[in-house]
């Protein structure tokens, strides 16, 4: 058996000592002071709350109650509403702090509701209630209901979502005798179920500040999951013939 030289024996002993040290010595466990743990929990909670309110400011869920939007939307259907679609702010708000008589000047960076879009809004006669309808007329439009059809600025709407059902104004409705001129800052809305809908024909135009957002997605029941169609009944902006 070959003998090891002294320098070789010392090197072998050193390597054995290093291996033994690596196998037996464990790194000290990480120590987190209580103040750091509390701070991290608080930061996590703040982030969760911030995320919740940010999402809540952009999206909101609603339950459809009633049949005024049949056959497009159904009773007990859950939808998500895009509240950012009609985001607006008052350009004169700072000036009114000094002078309350300054008229508001609302700015809509993404535009106001468009023809055929489905919107959720506060019912003007009772803001505690939320309604959902389709946009028919915009500011400056002339909306008329005659012979079972709707015309905007003299152009008959093409409304396949009605499935051939006619549109009429009842005896006490604002549209029963004359066309309705939609004032600035308002829109004219109707339900798709024209025979069973309380809408602008009955209680008049809808102020834009009452609009909450655009109906975006249906997520319950399962067989109704999908994007809610926003149909333009003109195909383009209506033109006076």
C-alpha atoms as a PDB file:
ATOM      1  CA  UNK A   1       0.000   0.000   0.000  1.00  0.00           C
ATOM      2  CA  UNK A   2       1.439   3.342  -1.035  1.00  0.00           C
ATOM      3  CA  UNK A   3       2.214   5.787   1.707  1.00  0.00           C
ATOM      4  CA  UNK A   4       1.028   9.428   1.575  1.00  0.00           C
ATOM      5  CA  UNK A   5       3.519  12.207   1.839  1.00  0.00           C
ATOM      6  CA  UNK A   6       3.048  14.568   4.812  1.00  0.00           C
ATOM      7  CA  UNK A   7       1.871  17.438   2.631  1.00  0.00           C
ATOM      8  CA  UNK A   8      -0.680  15.130   0.961  1.00  0.00           C
ATOM      9  CA  UNK A   9      -1.958  13.974   4.363  1.00  0.00           C
ATOM     10  CA  UNK A  10      -2.422  17.570   5.520  1.00  0.00           C
ATOM     11  CA  UNK A  11      -4.378  18.419   2.339  1.00  0.00           C
ATOM     12  CA  UNK A  12      -6.650  15.371   2.778  1.00  0.00           C
ATOM     13  CA  UNK A  13      -7.257  16.299   6.437  1.00  0.00           C
ATOM     14  CA  UNK A  14      -8.156  19.855   5.430  1.00  0.00           C
ATOM     15  CA  UNK A  15     -10.662  18.692   2.805  1.00  0.00           C
ATOM     16  CA  UNK A  16     -12.226  16.243   5.277  1.00  0.00           C
ATOM     17  CA  UNK A  17     -12.575  19.048   7.836  1.00  0.00           C
ATOM     18  CA  UNK A  18     -14.283  21.348   5.300  1.00  0.00           C
ATOM     19  CA  UNK A  19     -16.703  18.573   4.273  1.00  0.00           C
ATOM     20  CA  UNK A  20     -17.565  17.828   7.894  1.00  0.00           C
ATOM     21  CA  UNK A  21     -18.153  21.527   8.600  1.00  0.00           C
ATOM     22  CA  UNK A  22     -20.487  21.911   5.603  1.00  0.00           C
ATOM     23  CA  UNK A  23     -22.515  18.877   6.690  1.00  0.00           C
ATOM     24  CA  UNK A  24     -22.888  19.813  10.349  1.00  0.00           C
ATOM     25  CA  UNK A  25     -23.090  23.600  10.478  1.00  0.00           C
ATOM     26  CA  UNK A  26     -26.548  24.952   9.538  1.00  0.00           C
ATOM     27  CA  UNK A  27     -27.086  28.569   8.512  1.00  0.00           C
ATOM     28  CA  UNK A  28     -28.868  30.622  11.142  1.00  0.00           C
ATOM     29  CA  UNK A  29     -32.624  30.968  10.558  1.00  0.00           C
ATOM     30  CA  UNK A  30     -33.803  34.331   9.246  1.00  0.00           C
ATOM     31  CA  UNK A  31     -35.095  36.585  11.982  1.00  0.00           C
ATOM     32  CA  UNK A  32     -37.879  39.060  11.228  1.00  0.00           C
ATOM     33  CA  UNK A  33     -38.522  41.595  13.964  1.00  0.00           C
ATOM     34  CA  UNK A  34     -42.231  41.987  14.854  1.00  0.00           C
ATOM     35  CA  UNK A  35     -42.271  45.567  13.572  1.00  0.00           C
ATOM     36  CA  UNK A  36     -41.217  44.374  10.108  1.00  0.00           C
ATOM     37  CA  UNK A  37     -43.890  41.672  10.052  1.00  0.00           C
ATOM     38  CA  UNK A  38     -46.567  44.185  11.055  1.00  0.00           C
ATOM     39  CA  UNK A  39     -45.372  46.642   8.420  1.00  0.00           C
ATOM     40  CA  UNK A  40     -45.502  44.013   5.669  1.00  0.00           C
ATOM     41  CA  UNK A  41     -49.036  42.978   6.692  1.00  0.00           C
ATOM     42  CA  UNK A  42     -50.188  46.616   6.666  1.00  0.00           C
ATOM     43  CA  UNK A  43     -48.611  47.201   3.242  1.00  0.00           C
ATOM     44  CA  UNK A  44     -50.306  44.092   1.863  1.00  0.00           C
ATOM     45  CA  UNK A  45     -53.697  45.180   3.226  1.00  0.00           C
ATOM     46  CA  UNK A  46     -53.275  48.680   1.799  1.00  0.00           C
ATOM     47  CA  UNK A  47     -52.428  47.207  -1.598  1.00  0.00           C
ATOM     48  CA  UNK A  48     -55.494  44.935  -1.498  1.00  0.00           C
ATOM     49  CA  UNK A  49     -57.762  47.872  -0.562  1.00  0.00           C
ATOM     50  CA  UNK A  50     -56.210  50.050  -3.267  1.00  0.00           C
ATOM     51  CA  UNK A  51     -56.714  47.314  -5.864  1.00  0.00           C
ATOM     52  CA  UNK A  52     -60.314  46.768  -4.737  1.00  0.00           C
ATOM     53  CA  UNK A  53     -61.282  50.437  -4.956  1.00  0.00           C
ATOM     54  CA  UNK A  54     -59.437  50.884  -8.257  1.00  0.00           C
ATOM     55  CA  UNK A  55     -61.328  47.965  -9.819  1.00  0.00           C
ATOM     56  CA  UNK A  56     -64.570  49.149  -8.209  1.00  0.00           C
ATOM     57  CA  UNK A  57     -64.039  52.562  -9.776  1.00  0.00           C
ATOM     58  CA  UNK A  58     -63.720  51.020 -13.238  1.00  0.00           C
ATOM     59  CA  UNK A  59     -66.076  48.032 -13.102  1.00  0.00           C
ATOM     60  CA  UNK A  60     -69.252  47.278 -11.184  1.00  0.00           C
ATOM     61  CA  UNK A  61     -71.553  44.281 -11.226  1.00  0.00           C
ATOM     62  CA  UNK A  62     -75.326  44.636 -11.630  1.00  0.00           C
ATOM     63  CA  UNK A  63     -78.287  42.307 -11.441  1.00  0.00           C
ATOM     64  CA  UNK A  64     -80.926  42.658 -14.149  1.00  0.00           C
ATOM     65  CA  UNK A  65     -84.367  42.905 -12.558  1.00  0.00           C
ATOM     66  CA  UNK A  66     -87.372  42.835 -14.852  1.00  0.00           C
ATOM     67  CA  UNK A  67     -87.919  42.218 -18.547  1.00  0.00           C
ATOM     68  CA  UNK A  68     -87.492  45.687 -20.064  1.00  0.00           C
ATOM     69  CA  UNK A  69     -84.410  44.595 -22.075  1.00  0.00           C
ATOM     70  CA  UNK A  70     -85.762  41.299 -23.406  1.00  0.00           C
ATOM     71  CA  UNK A  71     -84.677  39.555 -25.585  1.00  0.00           C
ATOM     72  CA  UNK A  72     -81.191  41.086 -25.228  1.00  0.00           C
ATOM     73  CA  UNK A  73     -80.921  40.784 -21.431  1.00  0.00           C
ATOM     74  CA  UNK A  74     -83.006  38.706 -19.070  1.00  0.00           C
ATOM     75  CA  UNK A  75     -84.370  38.866 -15.544  1.00  0.00           C
ATOM     76  CA  UNK A  76     -81.866  37.703 -12.865  1.00  0.00           C
ATOM     77  CA  UNK A  77     -78.939  38.017 -15.266  1.00  0.00           C
ATOM     78  CA  UNK A  78     -75.659  39.363 -13.830  1.00  0.00           C
ATOM     79  CA  UNK A  79     -73.583  41.800 -15.860  1.00  0.00           C
ATOM     80  CA  UNK A  80     -70.435  43.887 -15.493  1.00  0.00           C
ATOM     81  CA  UNK A  81     -70.645  47.596 -16.223  1.00  0.00           C
ATOM     82  CA  UNK A  82     -67.706  49.614 -17.547  1.00  0.00           C
ATOM     83  CA  UNK A  83     -67.799  52.822 -15.484  1.00  0.00           C
ATOM     84  CA  UNK A  84     -64.731  54.234 -17.226  1.00  0.00           C
ATOM     85  CA  UNK A  85     -66.463  54.364 -20.637  1.00  0.00           C
ATOM     86  CA  UNK A  86     -68.188  57.672 -19.867  1.00  0.00           C
ATOM     87  CA  UNK A  87     -65.698  59.088 -17.386  1.00  0.00           C
ATOM     88  CA  UNK A  88     -66.073  62.852 -17.093  1.00  0.00           C
ATOM     89  CA  UNK A  89     -64.987  65.798 -14.981  1.00  0.00           C
ATOM     90  CA  UNK A  90     -66.039  69.400 -14.482  1.00  0.00           C
ATOM     91  CA  UNK A  91     -63.464  71.757 -15.959  1.00  0.00           C
ATOM     92  CA  UNK A  92     -64.940  74.668 -13.981  1.00  0.00           C
ATOM     93  CA  UNK A  93     -64.917  72.909 -10.616  1.00  0.00           C
ATOM     94  CA  UNK A  94     -61.908  74.907  -9.274  1.00  0.00           C
ATOM     95  CA  UNK A  95     -63.527  78.203 -10.374  1.00  0.00           C
ATOM     96  CA  UNK A  96     -66.754  77.343  -8.553  1.00  0.00           C
ATOM     97  CA  UNK A  97     -64.868  77.094  -5.273  1.00  0.00           C
ATOM     98  CA  UNK A  98     -64.378  80.851  -5.557  1.00  0.00           C
ATOM     99  CA  UNK A  99     -67.614  81.664  -7.381  1.00  0.00           C
ATOM    100  CA  UNK A 100     -70.478  79.127  -6.949  1.00  0.00           C
ATOM    101  CA  UNK A 101     -72.434  80.801  -9.770  1.00  0.00           C
ATOM    102  CA  UNK A 102     -69.949  79.589 -12.425  1.00  0.00           C
ATOM    103  CA  UNK A 103     -71.707  77.095 -14.692  1.00  0.00           C
ATOM    104  CA  UNK A 104     -70.235  73.580 -14.857  1.00  0.00           C
ATOM    105  CA  UNK A 105     -68.349  72.521 -17.973  1.00  0.00           C
ATOM    106  CA  UNK A 106     -68.345  68.739 -18.205  1.00  0.00           C
ATOM    107  CA  UNK A 107     -65.527  67.115 -20.190  1.00  0.00           C
ATOM    108  CA  UNK A 108     -65.870  63.529 -21.494  1.00  0.00           C
ATOM    109  CA  UNK A 109     -62.383  62.344 -22.560  1.00  0.00           C
ATOM    110  CA  UNK A 110     -63.763  59.097 -24.044  1.00  0.00           C
ATOM    111  CA  UNK A 111     -66.981  60.591 -25.395  1.00  0.00           C
ATOM    112  CA  UNK A 112     -70.632  60.436 -24.343  1.00  0.00           C
ATOM    113  CA  UNK A 113     -72.884  57.394 -24.934  1.00  0.00           C
ATOM    114  CA  UNK A 114     -73.248  56.452 -28.603  1.00  0.00           C
ATOM    115  CA  UNK A 115     -76.270  55.272 -30.565  1.00  0.00           C
ATOM    116  CA  UNK A 116     -77.298  51.728 -29.746  1.00  0.00           C
ATOM    117  CA  UNK A 117     -75.113  51.351 -26.672  1.00  0.00           C
ATOM    118  CA  UNK A 118     -76.667  49.755 -23.580  1.00  0.00           C
ATOM    119  CA  UNK A 119     -76.206  51.955 -20.509  1.00  0.00           C
ATOM    120  CA  UNK A 120     -76.891  51.630 -16.792  1.00  0.00           C
ATOM    121  CA  UNK A 121     -78.032  54.792 -15.041  1.00  0.00           C
ATOM    122  CA  UNK A 122     -79.759  56.248 -12.010  1.00  0.00           C
ATOM    123  CA  UNK A 123     -83.483  56.568 -12.618  1.00  0.00           C
ATOM    124  CA  UNK A 124     -84.048  60.360 -12.800  1.00  0.00           C
ATOM    125  CA  UNK A 125     -87.256  60.266 -10.740  1.00  0.00           C
ATOM    126  CA  UNK A 126     -85.664  58.104  -8.027  1.00  0.00           C
ATOM    127  CA  UNK A 127     -81.821  58.037  -8.050  1.00  0.00           C
ATOM    128  CA  UNK A 128     -81.819  55.165  -5.547  1.00  0.00           C
ATOM    129  CA  UNK A 129     -82.935  52.883  -8.415  1.00  0.00           C
ATOM    130  CA  UNK A 130     -80.714  51.785 -11.296  1.00  0.00           C
ATOM    131  CA  UNK A 131     -82.165  51.269 -14.782  1.00  0.00           C
ATOM    132  CA  UNK A 132     -80.716  49.769 -17.945  1.00  0.00           C
ATOM    133  CA  UNK A 133     -81.739  50.896 -21.455  1.00  0.00           C
ATOM    134  CA  UNK A 134     -80.428  51.410 -24.982  1.00  0.00           C
ATOM    135  CA  UNK A 135     -79.339  54.824 -26.315  1.00  0.00           C
ATOM    136  CA  UNK A 136     -81.666  56.038 -29.083  1.00  0.00           C
ATOM    137  CA  UNK A 137     -81.042  59.799 -29.284  1.00  0.00           C
ATOM    138  CA  UNK A 138     -78.120  62.078 -28.463  1.00  0.00           C
ATOM    139  CA  UNK A 139     -77.981  65.826 -27.733  1.00  0.00           C
ATOM    140  CA  UNK A 140     -79.603  67.867 -30.503  1.00  0.00           C
ATOM    141  CA  UNK A 141     -81.458  64.915 -32.073  1.00  0.00           C
ATOM    142  CA  UNK A 142     -85.128  64.869 -32.976  1.00  0.00           C
ATOM    143  CA  UNK A 143     -86.709  61.570 -31.893  1.00  0.00           C
ATOM    144  CA  UNK A 144     -90.156  60.620 -33.183  1.00  0.00           C
ATOM    145  CA  UNK A 145     -92.297  57.500 -32.804  1.00  0.00           C
ATOM    146  CA  UNK A 146     -94.852  57.054 -35.588  1.00  0.00           C
ATOM    147  CA  UNK A 147     -96.542  54.061 -37.205  1.00  0.00           C
ATOM    148  CA  UNK A 148     -94.754  51.637 -34.903  1.00  0.00           C
ATOM    149  CA  UNK A 149     -91.226  52.725 -35.843  1.00  0.00           C
ATOM    150  CA  UNK A 150     -88.637  55.085 -34.353  1.00  0.00           C
ATOM    151  CA  UNK A 151     -87.023  57.835 -36.381  1.00  0.00           C
ATOM    152  CA  UNK A 152     -84.079  60.017 -35.400  1.00  0.00           C
ATOM    153  CA  UNK A 153     -83.658  63.199 -37.423  1.00  0.00           C
ATOM    154  CA  UNK A 154     -86.079  61.736 -39.937  1.00  0.00           C
ATOM    155  CA  UNK A 155     -84.103  58.486 -40.399  1.00  0.00           C
ATOM    156  CA  UNK A 156     -85.868  55.251 -39.476  1.00  0.00           C
ATOM    157  CA  UNK A 157     -83.845  53.104 -37.097  1.00  0.00           C
ATOM    158  CA  UNK A 158     -82.904  49.573 -38.023  1.00  0.00           C
ATOM    159  CA  UNK A 159     -83.455  47.628 -34.783  1.00  0.00           C
ATOM    160  CA  UNK A 160     -83.157  43.854 -35.268  1.00  0.00           C
ATOM    161  CA  UNK A 161     -82.960  43.323 -31.489  1.00  0.00           C
ATOM    162  CA  UNK A 162     -86.695  44.141 -31.382  1.00  0.00           C
ATOM    163  CA  UNK A 163     -87.390  41.008 -33.454  1.00  0.00           C
ATOM    164  CA  UNK A 164     -90.099  42.819 -35.394  1.00  0.00           C
ATOM    165  CA  UNK A 165     -91.973  44.218 -32.381  1.00  0.00           C
ATOM    166  CA  UNK A 166     -93.416  47.710 -33.019  1.00  0.00           C
ATOM    167  CA  UNK A 167     -92.739  50.797 -30.901  1.00  0.00           C
ATOM    168  CA  UNK A 168     -95.584  53.037 -29.704  1.00  0.00           C
ATOM    169  CA  UNK A 169     -96.105  55.956 -27.339  1.00  0.00           C
ATOM    170  CA  UNK A 170     -98.883  55.707 -24.776  1.00  0.00           C
ATOM    171  CA  UNK A 171    -101.500  58.381 -24.114  1.00  0.00           C
ATOM    172  CA  UNK A 172     -99.512  60.214 -21.405  1.00  0.00           C
ATOM    173  CA  UNK A 173     -96.039  59.769 -22.915  1.00  0.00           C
ATOM    174  CA  UNK A 174     -93.969  62.806 -23.917  1.00  0.00           C
ATOM    175  CA  UNK A 175     -93.671  61.487 -27.476  1.00  0.00           C
ATOM    176  CA  UNK A 176     -97.335  60.777 -28.120  1.00  0.00           C
ATOM    177  CA  UNK A 177     -98.079  63.917 -30.163  1.00  0.00           C
ATOM    178  CA  UNK A 178     -94.813  65.530 -31.168  1.00  0.00           C
ATOM    179  CA  UNK A 179     -91.213  64.587 -31.795  1.00  0.00           C
ATOM    180  CA  UNK A 180     -88.852  65.024 -28.838  1.00  0.00           C
ATOM    181  CA  UNK A 181     -85.867  67.349 -29.227  1.00  0.00           C
ATOM    182  CA  UNK A 182     -83.039  66.004 -27.066  1.00  0.00           C
ATOM    183  CA  UNK A 183     -81.474  68.920 -25.126  1.00  0.00           C
ATOM    184  CA  UNK A 184     -77.754  69.363 -24.574  1.00  0.00           C
ATOM    185  CA  UNK A 185     -76.430  67.317 -21.675  1.00  0.00           C
ATOM    186  CA  UNK A 186     -79.077  64.605 -22.100  1.00  0.00           C
ATOM    187  CA  UNK A 187     -79.804  61.435 -24.080  1.00  0.00           C
ATOM    188  CA  UNK A 188     -82.976  59.600 -25.113  1.00  0.00           C
ATOM    189  CA  UNK A 189     -83.123  55.932 -24.048  1.00  0.00           C
ATOM    190  CA  UNK A 190     -85.511  53.012 -24.592  1.00  0.00           C
ATOM    191  CA  UNK A 191     -85.711  49.407 -23.466  1.00  0.00           C
ATOM    192  CA  UNK A 192     -85.550  46.645 -26.065  1.00  0.00           C
ATOM    193  CA  UNK A 193     -88.855  45.262 -24.786  1.00  0.00           C
ATOM    194  CA  UNK A 194     -90.833  48.271 -25.980  1.00  0.00           C
ATOM    195  CA  UNK A 195     -94.191  46.985 -24.701  1.00  0.00           C
ATOM    196  CA  UNK A 196     -92.820  46.547 -21.169  1.00  0.00           C
ATOM    197  CA  UNK A 197     -90.325  49.344 -20.577  1.00  0.00           C
ATOM    198  CA  UNK A 198     -90.404  52.545 -18.565  1.00  0.00           C
ATOM    199  CA  UNK A 199     -88.058  54.799 -20.514  1.00  0.00           C
ATOM    200  CA  UNK A 200     -87.645  58.239 -22.107  1.00  0.00           C
ATOM    201  CA  UNK A 201     -91.001  57.923 -23.854  1.00  0.00           C
ATOM    202  CA  UNK A 202     -92.622  58.043 -20.416  1.00  0.00           C
ATOM    203  CA  UNK A 203     -90.410  60.184 -18.167  1.00  0.00           C
ATOM    204  CA  UNK A 204     -88.403  62.202 -20.679  1.00  0.00           C
ATOM    205  CA  UNK A 205     -84.742  62.553 -21.542  1.00  0.00           C
ATOM    206  CA  UNK A 206     -81.948  61.232 -19.320  1.00  0.00           C
ATOM    207  CA  UNK A 207     -79.350  63.694 -17.936  1.00  0.00           C
ATOM    208  CA  UNK A 208     -75.842  62.526 -18.772  1.00  0.00           C
ATOM    209  CA  UNK A 209     -74.687  62.934 -15.182  1.00  0.00           C
ATOM    210  CA  UNK A 210     -77.073  60.115 -14.223  1.00  0.00           C
ATOM    211  CA  UNK A 211     -75.279  57.600 -16.452  1.00  0.00           C
ATOM    212  CA  UNK A 212     -73.223  55.115 -14.432  1.00  0.00           C
ATOM    213  CA  UNK A 213     -71.564  53.206 -17.247  1.00  0.00           C
ATOM    214  CA  UNK A 214     -71.844  50.969 -20.281  1.00  0.00           C
ATOM    215  CA  UNK A 215     -73.176  47.420 -19.971  1.00  0.00           C
ATOM    216  CA  UNK A 216     -70.145  45.370 -20.963  1.00  0.00           C
ATOM    217  CA  UNK A 217     -70.164  41.647 -20.125  1.00  0.00           C
ATOM    218  CA  UNK A 218     -72.726  39.104 -18.947  1.00  0.00           C
ATOM    219  CA  UNK A 219     -71.197  36.592 -16.534  1.00  0.00           C
ATOM    220  CA  UNK A 220     -74.172  34.681 -15.107  1.00  0.00           C
ATOM    221  CA  UNK A 221     -75.957  32.324 -15.814  1.00  0.00           C
ATOM    222  CA  UNK A 222     -73.386  30.190 -17.589  1.00  0.00           C
ATOM    223  CA  UNK A 223     -75.353  29.936 -20.812  1.00  0.00           C
ATOM    224  CA  UNK A 224     -75.441  33.739 -21.108  1.00  0.00           C
ATOM    225  CA  UNK A 225     -71.740  34.490 -20.618  1.00  0.00           C
ATOM    226  CA  UNK A 226     -70.375  36.874 -23.230  1.00  0.00           C
ATOM    227  CA  UNK A 227     -69.881  40.451 -24.361  1.00  0.00           C
ATOM    228  CA  UNK A 228     -73.097  42.500 -24.547  1.00  0.00           C
ATOM    229  CA  UNK A 229     -73.655  43.682 -28.127  1.00  0.00           C
ATOM    230  CA  UNK A 230     -73.633  47.452 -28.622  1.00  0.00           C
ATOM    231  CA  UNK A 231     -75.604  47.829 -31.837  1.00  0.00           C
ATOM    232  CA  UNK A 232     -75.532  50.992 -33.928  1.00  0.00           C
ATOM    233  CA  UNK A 233     -78.993  51.276 -35.562  1.00  0.00           C
ATOM    234  CA  UNK A 234     -77.579  53.576 -38.271  1.00  0.00           C
ATOM    235  CA  UNK A 235     -74.338  51.876 -39.155  1.00  0.00           C
ATOM    236  CA  UNK A 236     -72.925  55.403 -39.087  1.00  0.00           C
ATOM    237  CA  UNK A 237     -73.980  58.793 -37.751  1.00  0.00           C
ATOM    238  CA  UNK A 238     -77.554  59.540 -38.909  1.00  0.00           C
ATOM    239  CA  UNK A 239     -77.993  61.982 -41.741  1.00  0.00           C
ATOM    240  CA  UNK A 240     -80.990  64.229 -42.321  1.00  0.00           C
ATOM    241  CA  UNK A 241     -82.562  63.167 -45.666  1.00  0.00           C
END
